[in-house]
């Protein structure tokens, strides 16, 4: 996402910024879900108990489809 946006001339300063700009540039279509995935990723750096790890693990399969769509969108782009 970040590399694609930067090649389009968009300045990206953070992962949250990348998501917002990707949505505006129609690379992704559900910015709320992507922001949720970012928050889940951020939680993993603070997981020290098995219950929280299990909750995160259960969410992972639902995140696969958005990543596949992103990969398709980027592979169809002339910039990548």
PDB file of N, CA and C in Angstrom:
ATOM      1  N   UNK A   1       0.814  -1.178   0.000  1.00  0.00           N
ATOM      2  CA  UNK A   1       0.000   0.000   0.000  1.00  0.00           C
ATOM      3  C   UNK A   1       0.864   1.251   0.000  1.00  0.00           C
ATOM      4  N   UNK A   2       1.788   1.291   0.934  1.00  0.00           N
ATOM      5  CA  UNK A   2       2.636   2.477   1.093  1.00  0.00           C
ATOM      6  C   UNK A   2       3.446   2.743  -0.174  1.00  0.00           C
ATOM      7  N   UNK A   3       4.068   1.712  -0.705  1.00  0.00           N
ATOM      8  CA  UNK A   3       4.895   1.870  -1.906  1.00  0.00           C
ATOM      9  C   UNK A   3       4.038   2.327  -3.083  1.00  0.00           C
ATOM     10  N   UNK A   4       2.892   1.712  -3.256  1.00  0.00           N
ATOM     11  CA  UNK A   4       1.986   2.090  -4.340  1.00  0.00           C
ATOM     12  C   UNK A   4       1.604   3.561  -4.228  1.00  0.00           C
ATOM     13  N   UNK A   5       1.186   3.966  -3.040  1.00  0.00           N
ATOM     14  CA  UNK A   5       0.768   5.355  -2.835  1.00  0.00           C
ATOM     15  C   UNK A   5       1.914   6.326  -3.077  1.00  0.00           C
ATOM     16  N   UNK A   6       3.100   5.975  -2.601  1.00  0.00           N
ATOM     17  CA  UNK A   6       4.251   6.861  -2.803  1.00  0.00           C
ATOM     18  C   UNK A   6       4.600   6.981  -4.280  1.00  0.00           C
ATOM     19  N   UNK A   7       4.442   5.900  -5.041  1.00  0.00           N
ATOM     20  CA  UNK A   7       4.689   5.969  -6.483  1.00  0.00           C
ATOM     21  C   UNK A   7       3.668   6.857  -7.182  1.00  0.00           C
ATOM     22  N   UNK A   8       2.499   6.992  -6.577  1.00  0.00           N
ATOM     23  CA  UNK A   8       1.477   7.897  -7.113  1.00  0.00           C
ATOM     24  C   UNK A   8       1.694   9.328  -6.630  1.00  0.00           C
ATOM     25  N   UNK A   9       2.717   9.535  -5.801  1.00  0.00           N
ATOM     26  CA  UNK A   9       3.011  10.872  -5.309  1.00  0.00           C
ATOM     27  C   UNK A   9       2.331  11.230  -3.999  1.00  0.00           C
ATOM     28  N   UNK A  10       1.743  10.238  -3.341  1.00  0.00           N
ATOM     29  CA  UNK A  10       1.060  10.470  -2.068  1.00  0.00           C
ATOM     30  C   UNK A  10       2.056  10.266  -0.934  1.00  0.00           C
ATOM     31  N   UNK A  11       2.138  11.228  -0.044  1.00  0.00           N
ATOM     32  CA  UNK A  11       3.019  11.091   1.112  1.00  0.00           C
ATOM     33  C   UNK A  11       2.304  10.277   2.186  1.00  0.00           C
ATOM     34  N   UNK A  12       2.995   9.249   2.684  1.00  0.00           N
ATOM     35  CA  UNK A  12       2.428   8.368   3.701  1.00  0.00           C
ATOM     36  C   UNK A  12       3.317   8.435   4.934  1.00  0.00           C
ATOM     37  N   UNK A  13       2.717   8.794   6.066  1.00  0.00           N
ATOM     38  CA  UNK A  13       3.489   9.006   7.282  1.00  0.00           C
ATOM     39  C   UNK A  13       3.305   7.920   8.337  1.00  0.00           C
ATOM     40  N   UNK A  14       2.271   7.110   8.202  1.00  0.00           N
ATOM     41  CA  UNK A  14       2.000   6.071   9.198  1.00  0.00           C
ATOM     42  C   UNK A  14       1.118   4.996   8.569  1.00  0.00           C
ATOM     43  N   UNK A  15       1.007   3.837   9.210  1.00  0.00           N
ATOM     44  CA  UNK A  15       0.096   2.814   8.692  1.00  0.00           C
ATOM     45  C   UNK A  15      -1.350   3.313   8.599  1.00  0.00           C
ATOM     46  N   UNK A  16      -1.803   4.056   9.596  1.00  0.00           N
ATOM     47  CA  UNK A  16      -3.165   4.608   9.578  1.00  0.00           C
ATOM     48  C   UNK A  16      -3.337   5.560   8.387  1.00  0.00           C
ATOM     49  N   UNK A  17      -2.328   6.360   8.150  1.00  0.00           N
ATOM     50  CA  UNK A  17      -2.325   7.287   7.018  1.00  0.00           C
ATOM     51  C   UNK A  17      -2.373   6.515   5.696  1.00  0.00           C
ATOM     52  N   UNK A  18      -1.639   5.420   5.613  1.00  0.00           N
ATOM     53  CA  UNK A  18      -1.647   4.588   4.405  1.00  0.00           C
ATOM     54  C   UNK A  18      -3.046   4.042   4.141  1.00  0.00           C
ATOM     55  N   UNK A  19      -3.714   3.595   5.188  1.00  0.00           N
ATOM     56  CA  UNK A  19      -5.064   3.054   5.035  1.00  0.00           C
ATOM     57  C   UNK A  19      -6.022   4.135   4.555  1.00  0.00           C
ATOM     58  N   UNK A  20      -5.977   5.295   5.172  1.00  0.00           N
ATOM     59  CA  UNK A  20      -6.872   6.385   4.776  1.00  0.00           C
ATOM     60  C   UNK A  20      -6.637   6.794   3.319  1.00  0.00           C
ATOM     61  N   UNK A  21      -5.371   6.893   2.927  1.00  0.00           N
ATOM     62  CA  UNK A  21      -5.055   7.266   1.549  1.00  0.00           C
ATOM     63  C   UNK A  21      -5.394   6.154   0.564  1.00  0.00           C
ATOM     64  N   UNK A  22      -5.205   4.905   0.967  1.00  0.00           N
ATOM     65  CA  UNK A  22      -5.566   3.781   0.097  1.00  0.00           C
ATOM     66  C   UNK A  22      -7.069   3.777  -0.164  1.00  0.00           C
ATOM     67  N   UNK A  23      -7.849   4.086   0.850  1.00  0.00           N
ATOM     68  CA  UNK A  23      -9.302   4.169   0.685  1.00  0.00           C
ATOM     69  C   UNK A  23      -9.667   5.314  -0.258  1.00  0.00           C
ATOM     70  N   UNK A  24      -9.054   6.461  -0.068  1.00  0.00           N
ATOM     71  CA  UNK A  24      -9.331   7.619  -0.925  1.00  0.00           C
ATOM     72  C   UNK A  24      -8.936   7.356  -2.377  1.00  0.00           C
ATOM     73  N   UNK A  25      -7.893   6.537  -2.572  1.00  0.00           N
ATOM     74  CA  UNK A  25      -7.423   6.214  -3.921  1.00  0.00           C
ATOM     75  C   UNK A  25      -8.049   4.926  -4.459  1.00  0.00           C
ATOM     76  N   UNK A  26      -9.046   4.405  -3.760  1.00  0.00           N
ATOM     77  CA  UNK A  26      -9.817   3.229  -4.163  1.00  0.00           C
ATOM     78  C   UNK A  26      -8.978   1.968  -4.333  1.00  0.00           C
ATOM     79  N   UNK A  27      -7.930   1.846  -3.533  1.00  0.00           N
ATOM     80  CA  UNK A  27      -7.132   0.620  -3.517  1.00  0.00           C
ATOM     81  C   UNK A  27      -7.800  -0.392  -2.595  1.00  0.00           C
ATOM     82  N   UNK A  28      -8.420   0.108  -1.530  1.00  0.00           N
ATOM     83  CA  UNK A  28      -9.216  -0.710  -0.621  1.00  0.00           C
ATOM     84  C   UNK A  28     -10.615  -0.102  -0.582  1.00  0.00           C
ATOM     85  N   UNK A  29     -11.593  -0.915  -0.165  1.00  0.00           N
ATOM     86  CA  UNK A  29     -12.975  -0.435  -0.205  1.00  0.00           C
ATOM     87  C   UNK A  29     -13.655  -0.429   1.155  1.00  0.00           C
ATOM     88  N   UNK A  30     -12.961  -0.857   2.191  1.00  0.00           N
ATOM     89  CA  UNK A  30     -13.538  -0.871   3.538  1.00  0.00           C
ATOM     90  C   UNK A  30     -12.482  -0.381   4.520  1.00  0.00           C
ATOM     91  N   UNK A  31     -12.364   0.923   4.633  1.00  0.00           N
ATOM     92  CA  UNK A  31     -11.328   1.477   5.503  1.00  0.00           C
ATOM     93  C   UNK A  31     -11.562   1.124   6.966  1.00  0.00           C
ATOM     94  N   UNK A  32     -12.818   0.959   7.356  1.00  0.00           N
ATOM     95  CA  UNK A  32     -13.116   0.594   8.743  1.00  0.00           C
ATOM     96  C   UNK A  32     -12.524  -0.773   9.074  1.00  0.00           C
ATOM     97  N   UNK A  33     -12.683  -1.732   8.176  1.00  0.00           N
ATOM     98  CA  UNK A  33     -12.117  -3.062   8.393  1.00  0.00           C
ATOM     99  C   UNK A  33     -10.596  -3.003   8.445  1.00  0.00           C
ATOM    100  N   UNK A  34      -9.987  -2.242   7.548  1.00  0.00           N
ATOM    101  CA  UNK A  34      -8.529  -2.137   7.535  1.00  0.00           C
ATOM    102  C   UNK A  34      -8.011  -1.469   8.805  1.00  0.00           C
ATOM    103  N   UNK A  35      -8.729  -0.480   9.313  1.00  0.00           N
ATOM    104  CA  UNK A  35      -8.324   0.149  10.574  1.00  0.00           C
ATOM    105  C   UNK A  35      -8.483  -0.833  11.732  1.00  0.00           C
ATOM    106  N   UNK A  36      -9.515  -1.671  11.678  1.00  0.00           N
ATOM    107  CA  UNK A  36      -9.695  -2.718  12.683  1.00  0.00           C
ATOM    108  C   UNK A  36      -8.532  -3.713  12.622  1.00  0.00           C
ATOM    109  N   UNK A  37      -8.138  -4.089  11.413  1.00  0.00           N
ATOM    110  CA  UNK A  37      -7.009  -5.015  11.269  1.00  0.00           C
ATOM    111  C   UNK A  37      -5.731  -4.395  11.817  1.00  0.00           C
ATOM    112  N   UNK A  38      -5.550  -3.111  11.595  1.00  0.00           N
ATOM    113  CA  UNK A  38      -4.385  -2.414  12.131  1.00  0.00           C
ATOM    114  C   UNK A  38      -4.396  -2.445  13.655  1.00  0.00           C
ATOM    115  N   UNK A  39      -5.557  -2.199  14.251  1.00  0.00           N
ATOM    116  CA  UNK A  39      -5.660  -2.244  15.714  1.00  0.00           C
ATOM    117  C   UNK A  39      -5.368  -3.649  16.236  1.00  0.00           C
ATOM    118  N   UNK A  40      -5.850  -4.658  15.533  1.00  0.00           N
ATOM    119  CA  UNK A  40      -5.568  -6.041  15.921  1.00  0.00           C
ATOM    120  C   UNK A  40      -4.072  -6.307  15.860  1.00  0.00           C
ATOM    121  N   UNK A  41      -3.441  -5.845  14.796  1.00  0.00           N
ATOM    122  CA  UNK A  41      -1.987  -6.002  14.682  1.00  0.00           C
ATOM    123  C   UNK A  41      -1.283  -5.303  15.835  1.00  0.00           C
ATOM    124  N   UNK A  42      -1.737  -4.109  16.171  1.00  0.00           N
ATOM    125  CA  UNK A  42      -1.119  -3.373  17.271  1.00  0.00           C
ATOM    126  C   UNK A  42      -1.287  -4.103  18.599  1.00  0.00           C
ATOM    127  N   UNK A  43      -2.406  -4.793  18.777  1.00  0.00           N
ATOM    128  CA  UNK A  43      -2.625  -5.550  20.012  1.00  0.00           C
ATOM    129  C   UNK A  43      -1.649  -6.709  20.136  1.00  0.00           C
ATOM    130  N   UNK A  44      -1.210  -7.256  19.013  1.00  0.00           N
ATOM    131  CA  UNK A  44      -0.332  -8.425  19.088  1.00  0.00           C
ATOM    132  C   UNK A  44       1.005  -8.106  19.725  1.00  0.00           C
ATOM    133  N   UNK A  45       1.415  -6.867  19.670  1.00  0.00           N
ATOM    134  CA  UNK A  45       2.700  -6.528  20.285  1.00  0.00           C
ATOM    135  C   UNK A  45       2.595  -6.437  21.800  1.00  0.00           C
ATOM    136  N   UNK A  46       1.376  -6.502  22.322  1.00  0.00           N
ATOM    137  CA  UNK A  46       1.168  -6.417  23.765  1.00  0.00           C
ATOM    138  C   UNK A  46       0.479  -7.657  24.322  1.00  0.00           C
ATOM    139  N   UNK A  47       0.509  -8.742  23.564  1.00  0.00           N
ATOM    140  CA  UNK A  47      -0.168  -9.959  24.005  1.00  0.00           C
ATOM    141  C   UNK A  47       0.771 -10.787  24.867  1.00  0.00           C
ATOM    142  N   UNK A  48       0.372 -10.922  26.109  1.00  0.00           N
ATOM    143  CA  UNK A  48       1.158 -11.719  27.036  1.00  0.00           C
ATOM    144  C   UNK A  48       0.314 -12.815  27.671  1.00  0.00           C
ATOM    145  N   UNK A  49      -0.930 -12.927  27.244  1.00  0.00           N
ATOM    146  CA  UNK A  49      -1.759 -13.996  27.806  1.00  0.00           C
ATOM    147  C   UNK A  49      -2.438 -14.771  26.690  1.00  0.00           C
ATOM    148  N   UNK A  50      -2.726 -16.006  26.987  1.00  0.00           N
ATOM    149  CA  UNK A  50      -3.261 -16.923  25.984  1.00  0.00           C
ATOM    150  C   UNK A  50      -4.671 -16.538  25.534  1.00  0.00           C
ATOM    151  N   UNK A  51      -5.495 -16.011  26.432  1.00  0.00           N
ATOM    152  CA  UNK A  51      -6.864 -15.635  26.060  1.00  0.00           C
ATOM    153  C   UNK A  51      -6.876 -14.567  24.968  1.00  0.00           C
ATOM    154  N   UNK A  52      -6.061 -13.540  25.132  1.00  0.00           N
ATOM    155  CA  UNK A  52      -6.006 -12.481  24.122  1.00  0.00           C
ATOM    156  C   UNK A  52      -5.444 -13.024  22.807  1.00  0.00           C
ATOM    157  N   UNK A  53      -4.434 -13.864  22.886  1.00  0.00           N
ATOM    158  CA  UNK A  53      -3.859 -14.468  21.681  1.00  0.00           C
ATOM    159  C   UNK A  53      -4.915 -15.286  20.939  1.00  0.00           C
ATOM    160  N   UNK A  54      -5.748 -16.014  21.671  1.00  0.00           N
ATOM    161  CA  UNK A  54      -6.821 -16.805  21.053  1.00  0.00           C
ATOM    162  C   UNK A  54      -7.838 -15.900  20.360  1.00  0.00           C
ATOM    163  N   UNK A  55      -8.209 -14.784  20.992  1.00  0.00           N
ATOM    164  CA  UNK A  55      -9.167 -13.856  20.392  1.00  0.00           C
ATOM    165  C   UNK A  55      -8.625 -13.296  19.076  1.00  0.00           C
ATOM    166  N   UNK A  56      -7.358 -12.974  19.064  1.00  0.00           N
ATOM    167  CA  UNK A  56      -6.732 -12.453  17.845  1.00  0.00           C
ATOM    168  C   UNK A  56      -6.655 -13.547  16.781  1.00  0.00           C
ATOM    169  N   UNK A  57      -6.274 -14.741  17.187  1.00  0.00           N
ATOM    170  CA  UNK A  57      -6.155 -15.872  16.267  1.00  0.00           C
ATOM    171  C   UNK A  57      -7.479 -16.149  15.552  1.00  0.00           C
ATOM    172  N   UNK A  58      -8.586 -16.044  16.268  1.00  0.00           N
ATOM    173  CA  UNK A  58      -9.907 -16.295  15.693  1.00  0.00           C
ATOM    174  C   UNK A  58     -10.249 -15.263  14.614  1.00  0.00           C
ATOM    175  N   UNK A  59      -9.747 -14.049  14.749  1.00  0.00           N
ATOM    176  CA  UNK A  59     -10.035 -12.991  13.776  1.00  0.00           C
ATOM    177  C   UNK A  59      -9.264 -13.151  12.464  1.00  0.00           C
ATOM    178  N   UNK A  60      -8.131 -13.797  12.506  1.00  0.00           N
ATOM    179  CA  UNK A  60      -7.236 -13.833  11.350  1.00  0.00           C
ATOM    180  C   UNK A  60      -7.861 -14.354  10.056  1.00  0.00           C
ATOM    181  N   UNK A  61      -8.636 -15.436  10.066  1.00  0.00           N
ATOM    182  CA  UNK A  61      -9.215 -15.899   8.796  1.00  0.00           C
ATOM    183  C   UNK A  61     -10.088 -14.850   8.100  1.00  0.00           C
ATOM    184  N   UNK A  62     -10.769 -14.008   8.867  1.00  0.00           N
ATOM    185  CA  UNK A  62     -11.629 -12.993   8.249  1.00  0.00           C
ATOM    186  C   UNK A  62     -10.824 -11.885   7.585  1.00  0.00           C
ATOM    187  N   UNK A  63      -9.545 -11.817   7.875  1.00  0.00           N
ATOM    188  CA  UNK A  63      -8.694 -10.782   7.288  1.00  0.00           C
ATOM    189  C   UNK A  63      -8.054 -11.222   5.972  1.00  0.00           C
ATOM    190  N   UNK A  64      -8.164 -12.488   5.631  1.00  0.00           N
ATOM    191  CA  UNK A  64      -7.517 -13.000   4.425  1.00  0.00           C
ATOM    192  C   UNK A  64      -8.109 -12.403   3.145  1.00  0.00           C
ATOM    193  N   UNK A  65      -9.414 -12.353   3.048  1.00  0.00           N
ATOM    194  CA  UNK A  65     -10.067 -11.847   1.838  1.00  0.00           C
ATOM    195  C   UNK A  65      -9.678 -10.405   1.511  1.00  0.00           C
ATOM    196  N   UNK A  66      -9.670  -9.478   2.483  1.00  0.00           N
ATOM    197  CA  UNK A  66      -9.246  -8.115   2.152  1.00  0.00           C
ATOM    198  C   UNK A  66      -7.805  -8.043   1.642  1.00  0.00           C
ATOM    199  N   UNK A  67      -6.936  -8.885   2.181  1.00  0.00           N
ATOM    200  CA  UNK A  67      -5.552  -8.884   1.703  1.00  0.00           C
ATOM    201  C   UNK A  67      -5.463  -9.426   0.279  1.00  0.00           C
ATOM    202  N   UNK A  68      -6.275 -10.438  -0.037  1.00  0.00           N
ATOM    203  CA  UNK A  68      -6.291 -10.962  -1.408  1.00  0.00           C
ATOM    204  C   UNK A  68      -6.798  -9.904  -2.389  1.00  0.00           C
ATOM    205  N   UNK A  69      -7.847  -9.174  -1.984  1.00  0.00           N
ATOM    206  CA  UNK A  69      -8.377  -8.115  -2.847  1.00  0.00           C
ATOM    207  C   UNK A  69      -7.344  -7.016  -3.052  1.00  0.00           C
ATOM    208  N   UNK A  70      -6.634  -6.666  -1.993  1.00  0.00           N
ATOM    209  CA  UNK A  70      -5.574  -5.662  -2.108  1.00  0.00           C
ATOM    210  C   UNK A  70      -4.497  -6.145  -3.072  1.00  0.00           C
ATOM    211  N   UNK A  71      -4.078  -7.394  -2.936  1.00  0.00           N
ATOM    212  CA  UNK A  71      -3.054  -7.948  -3.825  1.00  0.00           C
ATOM    213  C   UNK A  71      -3.524  -7.915  -5.278  1.00  0.00           C
ATOM    214  N   UNK A  72      -4.784  -8.260  -5.511  1.00  0.00           N
ATOM    215  CA  UNK A  72      -5.334  -8.205  -6.872  1.00  0.00           C
ATOM    216  C   UNK A  72      -5.332  -6.778  -7.407  1.00  0.00           C
ATOM    217  N   UNK A  73      -5.784  -5.839  -6.580  1.00  0.00           N
ATOM    218  CA  UNK A  73      -5.813  -4.438  -7.012  1.00  0.00           C
ATOM    219  C   UNK A  73      -4.417  -3.928  -7.345  1.00  0.00           C
ATOM    220  N   UNK A  74      -3.459  -4.273  -6.523  1.00  0.00           N
ATOM    221  CA  UNK A  74      -2.095  -3.801  -6.758  1.00  0.00           C
ATOM    222  C   UNK A  74      -1.461  -4.492  -7.958  1.00  0.00           C
ATOM    223  N   UNK A  75      -1.744  -5.777  -8.145  1.00  0.00           N
ATOM    224  CA  UNK A  75      -1.141  -6.489  -9.281  1.00  0.00           C
ATOM    225  C   UNK A  75      -1.731  -6.022 -10.609  1.00  0.00           C
ATOM    226  N   UNK A  76      -2.939  -5.486 -10.582  1.00  0.00           N
ATOM    227  CA  UNK A  76      -3.563  -4.957 -11.796  1.00  0.00           C
ATOM    228  C   UNK A  76      -3.151  -3.525 -12.086  1.00  0.00           C
ATOM    229  N   UNK A  77      -2.362  -2.941 -11.210  1.00  0.00           N
ATOM    230  CA  UNK A  77      -1.945  -1.548 -11.370  1.00  0.00           C
ATOM    231  C   UNK A  77      -0.676  -1.462 -12.202  1.00  0.00           C
ATOM    232  N   UNK A  78      -0.594  -0.434 -12.997  1.00  0.00           N
ATOM    233  CA  UNK A  78       0.601  -0.217 -13.820  1.00  0.00           C
ATOM    234  C   UNK A  78       1.760   0.328 -12.997  1.00  0.00           C
ATOM    235  N   UNK A  79       1.491   0.798 -11.776  1.00  0.00           N
ATOM    236  CA  UNK A  79       2.551   1.394 -10.957  1.00  0.00           C
ATOM    237  C   UNK A  79       3.401   0.365 -10.228  1.00  0.00           C
ATOM    238  N   UNK A  80       2.901  -0.845 -10.061  1.00  0.00           N
ATOM    239  CA  UNK A  80       3.650  -1.855  -9.300  1.00  0.00           C
ATOM    240  C   UNK A  80       4.295  -2.826 -10.253  1.00  0.00           C
TER     241      UNK A  80
END
